Amino acid sequence: MAGRDELRSLTGPQKAAIIMLALGEEHGAPIWNLLDDEEIREVSQTMANLGSISSETIEQLFIEFTNQMSSTGSLVGSFDSTERLLLKALPEDRVNQIMEEIRGPAGRTMWDKLGNVNETVLANYLKNEYPQTVAVVLSKIRSEHAARVLAALPEDFAVEVVMRMLRMESVQKEILEKVEQTLRVEFMSNLARTNRRDSHEVIAEIFNNLDRNAESRFLVAMEERNRDAAERIKALMFTFEDLIKLDPSAVQTLLRQVDKDKLAVALKGASEQLRDLFFSNMSERAAKILREDMEAKGPVRLREVDEAQMQMVQVAKELAAKGEIVLADNKGDDELVY
């Protein structure tokens, strides 16, 4: 019953993606070769975001489509499994293009995809293109998104784009296809590669959320097995002590956002240098009150200190995501700057 209920909620592309995953490399290859690029992209995009599918649902799906065929196990659709499967059936350069596109913004057509790109990112790319090209792009995406992109462009350039849009007649199919191809090759491919997360970055982010004892155990164990990987992960991690790289303006921005009680707990476990950085960016009265709060707390459990420090690091990352501070890569002499 559960399989039938799940089956009823599936879309056509999802059913096709499940079947292609279940058919595997040998039986699926002839079918992939019969699909056009747009169909491959749609099925691949769906497959990569499929997640876990129960064996009951797979069985019901095969009964529906092939009259009594059934599957014996569950499937997990992911980017990696999709890429491996496609490589068995299609040329590598074609698979790379497809995977770069589906790792990028969602959307069936190029214009749908552009509509899901952050307006600042899109504007930063378009400001280096010809105004006529930008006019074509803005005329093809949703008007509300085009408005945000236009507002993010340099003013003189944006006015020129608007003037081109006013004078623009119907765009020839050949020109439109050329613009699409340029966007696919020069913009979407780079965007997909930028958005692809390195496994070391994923692990570094996870380790950032461990308490210091667990973090130390994992890193020591990793150093014994793969020192290079461990060193790379440590270089990518952003820890509480890395806040020492903040300049005064960034420290003040952070101080306005953190809970003062959590700050007192976090600084109980900080180095003298880091404490002095925070104290020196407060008023004399505020610094005096904070020191008194820290003394009044007496001994504090290490776990509480770790939690408070992790919360402060998370606030710093959120500020960076908003553009209020910028977290550079934590490597060598790179610093967190305002």
C-alpha atoms as a PDB file:
ATOM      1  CA  MET A   1       0.000   0.000   0.000  1.00  0.00           C
ATOM      2  CA  ALA A   2       2.832   2.395   0.886  1.00  0.00           C
ATOM      3  CA  GLY A   3       4.448   1.761  -2.493  1.00  0.00           C
ATOM      4  CA  ARG A   4       1.210   2.537  -4.314  1.00  0.00           C
ATOM      5  CA  ASP A   5       0.721   5.729  -2.327  1.00  0.00           C
ATOM      6  CA  GLU A   6       4.264   6.889  -3.150  1.00  0.00           C
ATOM      7  CA  LEU A   7       3.787   5.922  -6.796  1.00  0.00           C
ATOM      8  CA  ARG A   8       0.709   8.139  -7.098  1.00  0.00           C
ATOM      9  CA  SER A   9       2.734  11.145  -5.933  1.00  0.00           C
ATOM     10  CA  LEU A  10       5.480  10.694  -8.565  1.00  0.00           C
ATOM     11  CA  THR A  11       5.686  12.896 -11.654  1.00  0.00           C
ATOM     12  CA  GLY A  12       6.377  11.545 -15.139  1.00  0.00           C
ATOM     13  CA  PRO A  13      10.075  12.583 -15.103  1.00  0.00           C
ATOM     14  CA  GLN A  14      10.491  10.994 -11.660  1.00  0.00           C
ATOM     15  CA  LYS A  15       9.044   7.694 -12.901  1.00  0.00           C
ATOM     16  CA  ALA A  16      11.349   7.791 -15.933  1.00  0.00           C
ATOM     17  CA  ALA A  17      14.365   8.542 -13.709  1.00  0.00           C
ATOM     18  CA  ILE A  18      13.557   5.619 -11.380  1.00  0.00           C
ATOM     19  CA  ILE A  19      13.185   3.218 -14.290  1.00  0.00           C
ATOM     20  CA  MET A  20      16.481   4.332 -15.835  1.00  0.00           C
ATOM     21  CA  LEU A  21      18.263   3.884 -12.495  1.00  0.00           C
ATOM     22  CA  ALA A  22      16.712   0.440 -12.059  1.00  0.00           C
ATOM     23  CA  LEU A  23      17.653  -0.641 -15.584  1.00  0.00           C
ATOM     24  CA  GLY A  24      21.270   0.181 -14.843  1.00  0.00           C
ATOM     25  CA  GLU A  25      24.190   0.557 -17.213  1.00  0.00           C
ATOM     26  CA  GLU A  26      23.737  -2.408 -19.555  1.00  0.00           C
ATOM     27  CA  HIS A  27      19.992  -2.220 -20.191  1.00  0.00           C
ATOM     28  CA  GLY A  28      19.691   1.537 -19.905  1.00  0.00           C
ATOM     29  CA  ALA A  29      22.363   2.468 -22.469  1.00  0.00           C
ATOM     30  CA  PRO A  30      20.212   1.830 -25.593  1.00  0.00           C
ATOM     31  CA  ILE A  31      17.447   4.021 -24.147  1.00  0.00           C
ATOM     32  CA  TRP A  32      19.812   6.904 -23.293  1.00  0.00           C
ATOM     33  CA  ASN A  33      21.026   6.870 -26.892  1.00  0.00           C
ATOM     34  CA  LEU A  34      17.451   7.326 -28.152  1.00  0.00           C
ATOM     35  CA  LEU A  35      16.827  10.451 -26.044  1.00  0.00           C
ATOM     36  CA  ASP A  36      17.615  13.957 -27.252  1.00  0.00           C
ATOM     37  CA  ASP A  37      19.751  16.350 -25.184  1.00  0.00           C
ATOM     38  CA  GLU A  38      16.773  18.106 -23.595  1.00  0.00           C
ATOM     39  CA  GLU A  39      15.221  14.798 -22.520  1.00  0.00           C
ATOM     40  CA  ILE A  40      18.552  13.593 -21.129  1.00  0.00           C
ATOM     41  CA  ARG A  41      18.962  16.818 -19.155  1.00  0.00           C
ATOM     42  CA  GLU A  42      15.457  16.589 -17.711  1.00  0.00           C
ATOM     43  CA  VAL A  43      15.746  12.929 -16.705  1.00  0.00           C
ATOM     44  CA  SER A  44      19.286  13.474 -15.344  1.00  0.00           C
ATOM     45  CA  GLN A  45      18.246  16.514 -13.324  1.00  0.00           C
ATOM     46  CA  THR A  46      15.357  14.557 -11.817  1.00  0.00           C
ATOM     47  CA  MET A  47      17.535  11.499 -11.190  1.00  0.00           C
ATOM     48  CA  ALA A  48      20.201  13.515  -9.378  1.00  0.00           C
ATOM     49  CA  ASN A  49      17.602  14.948  -6.973  1.00  0.00           C
ATOM     50  CA  LEU A  50      15.623  11.740  -6.525  1.00  0.00           C
ATOM     51  CA  GLY A  51      16.934  10.605  -3.163  1.00  0.00           C
ATOM     52  CA  SER A  52      15.888   7.221  -1.709  1.00  0.00           C
ATOM     53  CA  ILE A  53      13.114   5.233  -3.413  1.00  0.00           C
ATOM     54  CA  SER A  54      11.585   2.220  -1.652  1.00  0.00           C
ATOM     55  CA  SER A  55      11.643  -1.198  -3.246  1.00  0.00           C
ATOM     56  CA  GLU A  56       7.831  -1.357  -2.959  1.00  0.00           C
ATOM     57  CA  THR A  57       7.487   1.758  -5.112  1.00  0.00           C
ATOM     58  CA  ILE A  58       9.947   0.408  -7.686  1.00  0.00           C
ATOM     59  CA  GLU A  59       7.963  -2.821  -7.905  1.00  0.00           C
ATOM     60  CA  GLN A  60       4.658  -1.011  -8.349  1.00  0.00           C
ATOM     61  CA  LEU A  61       6.216   1.225 -11.009  1.00  0.00           C
ATOM     62  CA  PHE A  62       7.491  -1.725 -13.035  1.00  0.00           C
ATOM     63  CA  ILE A  63       4.115  -3.416 -12.755  1.00  0.00           C
ATOM     64  CA  GLU A  64       2.523  -0.246 -14.090  1.00  0.00           C
ATOM     65  CA  PHE A  65       4.912   0.095 -17.043  1.00  0.00           C
ATOM     66  CA  THR A  66       6.078  -3.399 -17.918  1.00  0.00           C
ATOM     67  CA  ASN A  67       3.272  -5.688 -16.713  1.00  0.00           C
ATOM     68  CA  GLN A  68       4.636  -7.876 -13.912  1.00  0.00           C
ATOM     69  CA  MET A  69       8.337  -6.858 -13.982  1.00  0.00           C
ATOM     70  CA  SER A  70       9.600  -6.138 -10.471  1.00  0.00           C
ATOM     71  CA  SER A  71      12.717  -4.839  -8.704  1.00  0.00           C
ATOM     72  CA  THR A  72      14.360  -6.468  -5.696  1.00  0.00           C
ATOM     73  CA  GLY A  73      16.076  -3.567  -3.983  1.00  0.00           C
ATOM     74  CA  SER A  74      15.895   0.131  -3.209  1.00  0.00           C
ATOM     75  CA  LEU A  75      17.636   2.871  -5.177  1.00  0.00           C
ATOM     76  CA  VAL A  76      19.359   6.096  -4.243  1.00  0.00           C
ATOM     77  CA  GLY A  77      19.560   8.755  -6.923  1.00  0.00           C
ATOM     78  CA  SER A  78      22.460  11.164  -6.560  1.00  0.00           C
ATOM     79  CA  PHE A  79      24.738  13.296  -8.707  1.00  0.00           C
ATOM     80  CA  ASP A  80      27.513  10.702  -8.489  1.00  0.00           C
ATOM     81  CA  SER A  81      25.350   7.688  -9.392  1.00  0.00           C
ATOM     82  CA  THR A  82      23.785   9.645 -12.249  1.00  0.00           C
ATOM     83  CA  GLU A  83      27.184  10.651 -13.614  1.00  0.00           C
ATOM     84  CA  ARG A  84      28.537   7.085 -13.397  1.00  0.00           C
ATOM     85  CA  LEU A  85      25.513   5.728 -15.232  1.00  0.00           C
ATOM     86  CA  LEU A  86      25.667   8.329 -18.005  1.00  0.00           C
ATOM     87  CA  LEU A  87      29.386   7.724 -18.538  1.00  0.00           C
ATOM     88  CA  LYS A  88      28.599   4.116 -19.426  1.00  0.00           C
ATOM     89  CA  ALA A  89      26.174   5.170 -22.135  1.00  0.00           C
ATOM     90  CA  LEU A  90      27.365   8.540 -23.480  1.00  0.00           C
ATOM     91  CA  PRO A  91      30.651  10.225 -24.496  1.00  0.00           C
ATOM     92  CA  GLU A  92      32.517  11.862 -21.604  1.00  0.00           C
ATOM     93  CA  ASP A  93      32.362  15.411 -23.003  1.00  0.00           C
ATOM     94  CA  ARG A  94      28.593  15.126 -23.414  1.00  0.00           C
ATOM     95  CA  VAL A  95      28.198  13.776 -19.862  1.00  0.00           C
ATOM     96  CA  ASN A  96      30.363  16.597 -18.461  1.00  0.00           C
ATOM     97  CA  GLN A  97      28.173  19.176 -20.176  1.00  0.00           C
ATOM     98  CA  ILE A  98      24.976  17.553 -18.887  1.00  0.00           C
ATOM     99  CA  MET A  99      26.256  17.209 -15.318  1.00  0.00           C
ATOM    100  CA  GLU A 100      27.520  20.791 -15.231  1.00  0.00           C
ATOM    101  CA  GLU A 101      24.086  21.986 -16.302  1.00  0.00           C
ATOM    102  CA  ILE A 102      22.112  19.920 -13.795  1.00  0.00           C
ATOM    103  CA  ARG A 103      24.492  20.896 -10.982  1.00  0.00           C
ATOM    104  CA  GLY A 104      23.733  24.493 -11.854  1.00  0.00           C
ATOM    105  CA  PRO A 105      20.394  26.263 -11.369  1.00  0.00           C
ATOM    106  CA  ALA A 106      17.220  24.257 -11.911  1.00  0.00           C
ATOM    107  CA  GLY A 107      15.099  24.804 -15.017  1.00  0.00           C
ATOM    108  CA  ARG A 108      14.109  23.040 -18.212  1.00  0.00           C
ATOM    109  CA  THR A 109      15.295  25.761 -20.599  1.00  0.00           C
ATOM    110  CA  MET A 110      18.265  28.127 -20.442  1.00  0.00           C
ATOM    111  CA  TRP A 111      15.919  31.000 -19.602  1.00  0.00           C
ATOM    112  CA  ASP A 112      14.320  29.031 -16.758  1.00  0.00           C
ATOM    113  CA  LYS A 113      17.796  28.371 -15.379  1.00  0.00           C
ATOM    114  CA  LEU A 114      18.791  32.035 -15.618  1.00  0.00           C
ATOM    115  CA  GLY A 115      15.645  32.905 -13.699  1.00  0.00           C
ATOM    116  CA  ASN A 116      17.024  30.922 -10.749  1.00  0.00           C
ATOM    117  CA  VAL A 117      20.451  32.575 -10.735  1.00  0.00           C
ATOM    118  CA  ASN A 118      21.046  35.218  -8.069  1.00  0.00           C
ATOM    119  CA  GLU A 119      20.587  38.648  -9.639  1.00  0.00           C
ATOM    120  CA  THR A 120      23.969  39.935  -8.407  1.00  0.00           C
ATOM    121  CA  VAL A 121      25.796  36.917  -9.851  1.00  0.00           C
ATOM    122  CA  LEU A 122      23.982  37.292 -13.182  1.00  0.00           C
ATOM    123  CA  ALA A 123      24.549  41.064 -13.294  1.00  0.00           C
ATOM    124  CA  ASN A 124      28.278  40.639 -12.621  1.00  0.00           C
ATOM    125  CA  TYR A 125      28.494  38.408 -15.674  1.00  0.00           C
ATOM    126  CA  LEU A 126      26.252  40.464 -17.959  1.00  0.00           C
ATOM    127  CA  LYS A 127      27.971  43.785 -17.259  1.00  0.00           C
ATOM    128  CA  ASN A 128      30.893  42.539 -19.374  1.00  0.00           C
ATOM    129  CA  GLU A 129      28.678  41.608 -22.339  1.00  0.00           C
ATOM    130  CA  TYR A 130      27.429  43.772 -25.201  1.00  0.00           C
ATOM    131  CA  PRO A 131      24.334  45.828 -24.250  1.00  0.00           C
ATOM    132  CA  GLN A 132      22.424  44.195 -27.111  1.00  0.00           C
ATOM    133  CA  THR A 133      23.155  40.727 -25.702  1.00  0.00           C
ATOM    134  CA  VAL A 134      22.030  41.808 -22.248  1.00  0.00           C
ATOM    135  CA  ALA A 135      18.874  43.277 -23.757  1.00  0.00           C
ATOM    136  CA  VAL A 136      18.070  39.891 -25.327  1.00  0.00           C
ATOM    137  CA  VAL A 137      18.670  38.078 -22.033  1.00  0.00           C
ATOM    138  CA  LEU A 138      16.530  40.466 -19.971  1.00  0.00           C
ATOM    139  CA  SER A 139      13.718  40.243 -22.517  1.00  0.00           C
ATOM    140  CA  LYS A 140      13.630  36.452 -22.132  1.00  0.00           C
ATOM    141  CA  ILE A 141      13.660  36.031 -18.339  1.00  0.00           C
ATOM    142  CA  ARG A 142      10.833  36.832 -15.905  1.00  0.00           C
ATOM    143  CA  SER A 143      10.156  40.561 -15.622  1.00  0.00           C
ATOM    144  CA  GLU A 144      10.538  40.653 -11.832  1.00  0.00           C
ATOM    145  CA  HIS A 145      13.924  38.933 -12.053  1.00  0.00           C
ATOM    146  CA  ALA A 146      14.968  41.149 -14.974  1.00  0.00           C
ATOM    147  CA  ALA A 147      14.158  44.187 -12.818  1.00  0.00           C
ATOM    148  CA  ARG A 148      16.463  43.008 -10.034  1.00  0.00           C
ATOM    149  CA  VAL A 149      19.264  42.263 -12.497  1.00  0.00           C
ATOM    150  CA  LEU A 150      18.832  45.665 -14.165  1.00  0.00           C
ATOM    151  CA  ALA A 151      19.061  47.410 -10.788  1.00  0.00           C
ATOM    152  CA  ALA A 152      22.329  45.562 -10.056  1.00  0.00           C
ATOM    153  CA  LEU A 153      23.983  46.692 -13.304  1.00  0.00           C
ATOM    154  CA  PRO A 154      26.080  49.903 -13.516  1.00  0.00           C
ATOM    155  CA  GLU A 155      23.619  52.757 -14.101  1.00  0.00           C
ATOM    156  CA  ASP A 156      24.938  54.020 -17.452  1.00  0.00           C
ATOM    157  CA  PHE A 157      25.189  50.476 -18.785  1.00  0.00           C
ATOM    158  CA  ALA A 158      21.675  49.660 -17.534  1.00  0.00           C
ATOM    159  CA  VAL A 159      20.231  52.718 -19.318  1.00  0.00           C
ATOM    160  CA  GLU A 160      21.922  51.647 -22.562  1.00  0.00           C
ATOM    161  CA  VAL A 161      20.424  48.162 -22.153  1.00  0.00           C
ATOM    162  CA  VAL A 162      16.952  49.646 -21.663  1.00  0.00           C
ATOM    163  CA  MET A 163      17.344  51.745 -24.807  1.00  0.00           C
ATOM    164  CA  ARG A 164      18.332  48.631 -26.762  1.00  0.00           C
ATOM    165  CA  MET A 165      15.290  46.814 -25.399  1.00  0.00           C
ATOM    166  CA  LEU A 166      13.032  49.661 -26.541  1.00  0.00           C
ATOM    167  CA  ARG A 167      14.396  49.482 -30.095  1.00  0.00           C
ATOM    168  CA  MET A 168      14.557  45.695 -30.199  1.00  0.00           C
ATOM    169  CA  GLU A 169      12.303  43.851 -32.616  1.00  0.00           C
ATOM    170  CA  SER A 170      11.719  40.091 -32.705  1.00  0.00           C
ATOM    171  CA  VAL A 171      15.015  38.276 -32.239  1.00  0.00           C
ATOM    172  CA  GLN A 172      16.058  35.937 -35.023  1.00  0.00           C
ATOM    173  CA  LYS A 173      16.200  32.274 -34.069  1.00  0.00           C
ATOM    174  CA  GLU A 174      19.881  32.013 -35.027  1.00  0.00           C
ATOM    175  CA  ILE A 175      20.852  34.942 -32.791  1.00  0.00           C
ATOM    176  CA  LEU A 176      18.837  33.551 -29.882  1.00  0.00           C
ATOM    177  CA  GLU A 177      20.498  30.162 -30.245  1.00  0.00           C
ATOM    178  CA  LYS A 178      23.934  31.810 -30.322  1.00  0.00           C
ATOM    179  CA  VAL A 179      23.180  33.733 -27.124  1.00  0.00           C
ATOM    180  CA  GLU A 180      21.943  30.540 -25.470  1.00  0.00           C
ATOM    181  CA  GLN A 181      25.072  28.660 -26.499  1.00  0.00           C
ATOM    182  CA  THR A 182      27.318  31.428 -25.171  1.00  0.00           C
ATOM    183  CA  LEU A 183      25.486  31.447 -21.844  1.00  0.00           C
ATOM    184  CA  ARG A 184      25.698  27.661 -21.608  1.00  0.00           C
ATOM    185  CA  VAL A 185      29.419  27.472 -22.391  1.00  0.00           C
ATOM    186  CA  GLU A 186      30.759  30.609 -20.701  1.00  0.00           C
ATOM    187  CA  PHE A 187      28.384  31.180 -17.794  1.00  0.00           C
ATOM    188  CA  MET A 188      26.399  28.107 -16.754  1.00  0.00           C
ATOM    189  CA  SER A 189      29.355  25.721 -16.973  1.00  0.00           C
ATOM    190  CA  ASN A 190      31.507  27.975 -14.789  1.00  0.00           C
ATOM    191  CA  LEU A 191      28.612  28.512 -12.380  1.00  0.00           C
ATOM    192  CA  ALA A 192      28.087  24.754 -12.035  1.00  0.00           C
ATOM    193  CA  ARG A 193      31.781  24.184 -11.383  1.00  0.00           C
ATOM    194  CA  THR A 194      31.772  26.966  -8.785  1.00  0.00           C
ATOM    195  CA  ASN A 195      28.732  25.499  -7.041  1.00  0.00           C
ATOM    196  CA  ARG A 196      30.211  21.992  -6.929  1.00  0.00           C
ATOM    197  CA  ARG A 197      31.333  21.352  -3.361  1.00  0.00           C
ATOM    198  CA  ASP A 198      34.608  19.622  -2.725  1.00  0.00           C
ATOM    199  CA  SER A 199      34.332  16.674  -0.316  1.00  0.00           C
ATOM    200  CA  HIS A 200      37.063  18.199   1.865  1.00  0.00           C
ATOM    201  CA  GLU A 201      34.909  21.329   2.268  1.00  0.00           C
ATOM    202  CA  VAL A 202      31.928  19.212   3.351  1.00  0.00           C
ATOM    203  CA  ILE A 203      34.023  17.395   5.969  1.00  0.00           C
ATOM    204  CA  ALA A 204      35.566  20.671   7.193  1.00  0.00           C
ATOM    205  CA  GLU A 205      32.090  22.117   7.725  1.00  0.00           C
ATOM    206  CA  ILE A 206      31.016  19.004   9.650  1.00  0.00           C
ATOM    207  CA  PHE A 207      34.165  19.095  11.792  1.00  0.00           C
ATOM    208  CA  ASN A 208      33.494  22.758  12.578  1.00  0.00           C
ATOM    209  CA  ASN A 209      30.348  21.617  14.370  1.00  0.00           C
ATOM    210  CA  LEU A 210      32.028  18.943  16.494  1.00  0.00           C
ATOM    211  CA  ASP A 211      33.138  19.611  20.041  1.00  0.00           C
ATOM    212  CA  ARG A 212      36.891  19.997  20.362  1.00  0.00           C
ATOM    213  CA  ASN A 213      37.481  16.498  21.764  1.00  0.00           C
ATOM    214  CA  ALA A 214      35.610  14.760  18.937  1.00  0.00           C
ATOM    215  CA  GLU A 215      37.224  17.058  16.376  1.00  0.00           C
ATOM    216  CA  SER A 216      40.684  16.268  17.719  1.00  0.00           C
ATOM    217  CA  ARG A 217      40.037  12.510  17.690  1.00  0.00           C
ATOM    218  CA  PHE A 218      38.858  12.545  14.081  1.00  0.00           C
ATOM    219  CA  LEU A 219      41.744  14.695  12.876  1.00  0.00           C
ATOM    220  CA  VAL A 220      44.344  12.562  14.633  1.00  0.00           C
ATOM    221  CA  ALA A 221      42.803   9.415  13.138  1.00  0.00           C
ATOM    222  CA  MET A 222      42.730  10.998   9.690  1.00  0.00           C
ATOM    223  CA  GLU A 223      46.358  12.130   9.940  1.00  0.00           C
ATOM    224  CA  GLU A 224      47.364   8.524  10.583  1.00  0.00           C
ATOM    225  CA  ARG A 225      45.516   7.334   7.456  1.00  0.00           C
ATOM    226  CA  ASN A 226      45.885  10.262   5.061  1.00  0.00           C
ATOM    227  CA  ARG A 227      47.982  13.203   6.251  1.00  0.00           C
ATOM    228  CA  ASP A 228      47.460  15.238   3.078  1.00  0.00           C
ATOM    229  CA  ALA A 229      43.664  14.992   3.351  1.00  0.00           C
ATOM    230  CA  ALA A 230      43.763  15.873   7.046  1.00  0.00           C
ATOM    231  CA  GLU A 231      45.923  18.943   6.396  1.00  0.00           C
ATOM    232  CA  ARG A 232      43.601  20.086   3.615  1.00  0.00           C
ATOM    233  CA  ILE A 233      40.551  19.731   5.865  1.00  0.00           C
ATOM    234  CA  LYS A 234      42.259  21.664   8.674  1.00  0.00           C
ATOM    235  CA  ALA A 235      43.119  24.435   6.214  1.00  0.00           C
ATOM    236  CA  LEU A 236      39.451  24.686   5.195  1.00  0.00           C
ATOM    237  CA  MET A 237      38.088  24.721   8.728  1.00  0.00           C
ATOM    238  CA  PHE A 238      37.146  28.048  10.278  1.00  0.00           C
ATOM    239  CA  THR A 239      37.494  27.894  14.051  1.00  0.00           C
ATOM    240  CA  PHE A 240      36.734  30.253  16.894  1.00  0.00           C
ATOM    241  CA  GLU A 241      40.385  31.265  17.195  1.00  0.00           C
ATOM    242  CA  ASP A 242      40.328  32.296  13.529  1.00  0.00           C
ATOM    243  CA  LEU A 243      38.218  35.274  14.637  1.00  0.00           C
ATOM    244  CA  ILE A 244      41.571  36.842  15.560  1.00  0.00           C
ATOM    245  CA  LYS A 245      41.843  37.699  11.840  1.00  0.00           C
ATOM    246  CA  LEU A 246      38.882  40.086  12.032  1.00  0.00           C
ATOM    247  CA  ASP A 247      39.659  43.765  11.711  1.00  0.00           C
ATOM    248  CA  PRO A 248      38.118  46.203  14.243  1.00  0.00           C
ATOM    249  CA  SER A 249      35.109  47.062  12.080  1.00  0.00           C
ATOM    250  CA  ALA A 250      34.261  43.396  11.561  1.00  0.00           C
ATOM    251  CA  VAL A 251      34.647  42.652  15.293  1.00  0.00           C
ATOM    252  CA  GLN A 252      32.193  45.445  16.075  1.00  0.00           C
ATOM    253  CA  THR A 253      29.755  44.073  13.500  1.00  0.00           C
ATOM    254  CA  LEU A 254      29.981  40.645  15.114  1.00  0.00           C
ATOM    255  CA  LEU A 255      29.587  42.034  18.643  1.00  0.00           C
ATOM    256  CA  ARG A 256      26.306  43.701  17.665  1.00  0.00           C
ATOM    257  CA  GLN A 257      24.912  40.318  16.633  1.00  0.00           C
ATOM    258  CA  VAL A 258      26.005  37.917  19.376  1.00  0.00           C
ATOM    259  CA  ASP A 259      24.279  37.242  22.673  1.00  0.00           C
ATOM    260  CA  LYS A 260      26.317  38.850  25.463  1.00  0.00           C
ATOM    261  CA  ASP A 261      25.901  35.881  27.791  1.00  0.00           C
ATOM    262  CA  LYS A 262      27.151  33.504  25.067  1.00  0.00           C
ATOM    263  CA  LEU A 263      30.052  35.876  24.402  1.00  0.00           C
ATOM    264  CA  ALA A 264      31.110  35.705  28.050  1.00  0.00           C
ATOM    265  CA  VAL A 265      31.060  31.886  27.982  1.00  0.00           C
ATOM    266  CA  ALA A 266      32.875  31.702  24.627  1.00  0.00           C
ATOM    267  CA  LEU A 267      35.668  34.033  25.767  1.00  0.00           C
ATOM    268  CA  LYS A 268      36.219  31.921  28.910  1.00  0.00           C
ATOM    269  CA  GLY A 269      37.941  29.433  26.613  1.00  0.00           C
ATOM    270  CA  ALA A 270      39.634  31.940  24.314  1.00  0.00           C
ATOM    271  CA  SER A 271      43.281  32.916  24.114  1.00  0.00           C
ATOM    272  CA  GLU A 272      44.384  36.154  25.762  1.00  0.00           C
ATOM    273  CA  GLN A 273      45.066  37.648  22.348  1.00  0.00           C
ATOM    274  CA  LEU A 274      41.525  36.958  21.146  1.00  0.00           C
ATOM    275  CA  ARG A 275      40.012  38.246  24.396  1.00  0.00           C
ATOM    276  CA  ASP A 276      41.986  41.476  24.043  1.00  0.00           C
ATOM    277  CA  LEU A 277      40.714  41.868  20.464  1.00  0.00           C
ATOM    278  CA  PHE A 278      37.095  41.809  21.635  1.00  0.00           C
ATOM    279  CA  PHE A 279      37.697  43.945  24.723  1.00  0.00           C
ATOM    280  CA  SER A 280      39.522  46.602  22.682  1.00  0.00           C
ATOM    281  CA  ASN A 281      36.539  46.941  20.351  1.00  0.00           C
ATOM    282  CA  MET A 282      34.085  47.674  23.178  1.00  0.00           C
ATOM    283  CA  SER A 283      33.536  50.757  25.229  1.00  0.00           C
ATOM    284  CA  GLU A 284      35.472  50.798  28.472  1.00  0.00           C
ATOM    285  CA  ARG A 285      32.246  50.296  30.417  1.00  0.00           C
ATOM    286  CA  ALA A 286      31.047  47.394  28.259  1.00  0.00           C
ATOM    287  CA  ALA A 287      34.440  45.665  28.515  1.00  0.00           C
ATOM    288  CA  LYS A 288      34.386  46.074  32.323  1.00  0.00           C
ATOM    289  CA  ILE A 289      30.895  44.554  32.535  1.00  0.00           C
ATOM    290  CA  LEU A 290      31.900  41.637  30.306  1.00  0.00           C
ATOM    291  CA  ARG A 291      34.996  40.886  32.415  1.00  0.00           C
ATOM    292  CA  GLU A 292      32.836  40.923  35.555  1.00  0.00           C
ATOM    293  CA  ASP A 293      30.321  38.562  33.925  1.00  0.00           C
ATOM    294  CA  MET A 294      33.119  36.159  32.983  1.00  0.00           C
ATOM    295  CA  GLU A 295      34.500  36.173  36.544  1.00  0.00           C
ATOM    296  CA  ALA A 296      31.024  35.733  38.045  1.00  0.00           C
ATOM    297  CA  LYS A 297      30.412  32.589  36.013  1.00  0.00           C
ATOM    298  CA  GLY A 298      33.288  30.776  37.682  1.00  0.00           C
ATOM    299  CA  PRO A 299      34.297  27.413  36.166  1.00  0.00           C
ATOM    300  CA  VAL A 300      32.343  26.573  33.012  1.00  0.00           C
ATOM    301  CA  ARG A 301      31.994  23.152  31.419  1.00  0.00           C
ATOM    302  CA  LEU A 302      34.110  22.705  28.305  1.00  0.00           C
ATOM    303  CA  ARG A 303      31.031  21.534  26.397  1.00  0.00           C
ATOM    304  CA  GLU A 304      29.267  24.839  27.135  1.00  0.00           C
ATOM    305  CA  VAL A 305      32.309  26.804  25.990  1.00  0.00           C
ATOM    306  CA  ASP A 306      32.461  24.788  22.745  1.00  0.00           C
ATOM    307  CA  GLU A 307      28.749  25.390  22.078  1.00  0.00           C
ATOM    308  CA  ALA A 308      29.070  29.136  22.682  1.00  0.00           C
ATOM    309  CA  GLN A 309      32.134  29.385  20.444  1.00  0.00           C
ATOM    310  CA  MET A 310      30.445  27.395  17.665  1.00  0.00           C
ATOM    311  CA  GLN A 311      27.443  29.727  17.844  1.00  0.00           C
ATOM    312  CA  MET A 312      29.718  32.745  17.418  1.00  0.00           C
ATOM    313  CA  VAL A 313      31.455  31.136  14.437  1.00  0.00           C
ATOM    314  CA  GLN A 314      28.035  30.428  12.922  1.00  0.00           C
ATOM    315  CA  VAL A 315      27.005  34.077  13.389  1.00  0.00           C
ATOM    316  CA  ALA A 316      30.236  35.143  11.649  1.00  0.00           C
ATOM    317  CA  LYS A 317      29.434  32.835   8.726  1.00  0.00           C
ATOM    318  CA  GLU A 318      25.887  34.189   8.493  1.00  0.00           C
ATOM    319  CA  LEU A 319      27.218  37.747   8.419  1.00  0.00           C
ATOM    320  CA  ALA A 320      29.593  36.721   5.647  1.00  0.00           C
ATOM    321  CA  ALA A 321      26.700  35.174   3.697  1.00  0.00           C
ATOM    322  CA  LYS A 322      24.850  38.503   3.938  1.00  0.00           C
ATOM    323  CA  GLY A 323      27.919  40.374   2.699  1.00  0.00           C
ATOM    324  CA  GLU A 324      28.430  42.284   5.954  1.00  0.00           C
ATOM    325  CA  ILE A 325      31.815  40.625   6.422  1.00  0.00           C
ATOM    326  CA  VAL A 326      33.774  38.420   4.011  1.00  0.00           C
ATOM    327  CA  LEU A 327      35.288  35.099   4.976  1.00  0.00           C
ATOM    328  CA  ALA A 328      38.305  34.462   2.763  1.00  0.00           C
ATOM    329  CA  ASP A 329      39.578  30.914   2.322  1.00  0.00           C
ATOM    330  CA  ASN A 330      41.272  29.922   5.572  1.00  0.00           C
ATOM    331  CA  LYS A 331      44.643  29.201   4.018  1.00  0.00           C
ATOM    332  CA  GLY A 332      48.084  30.655   4.663  1.00  0.00           C
ATOM    333  CA  ASP A 333      47.865  34.387   5.149  1.00  0.00           C
ATOM    334  CA  ASP A 334      44.255  34.722   3.999  1.00  0.00           C
ATOM    335  CA  GLU A 335      42.189  36.649   6.480  1.00  0.00           C
ATOM    336  CA  LEU A 336      38.643  37.372   7.432  1.00  0.00           C
ATOM    337  CA  VAL A 337      38.123  40.954   6.253  1.00  0.00           C
ATOM    338  CA  TYR A 338      35.389  43.527   6.486  1.00  0.00           C
END
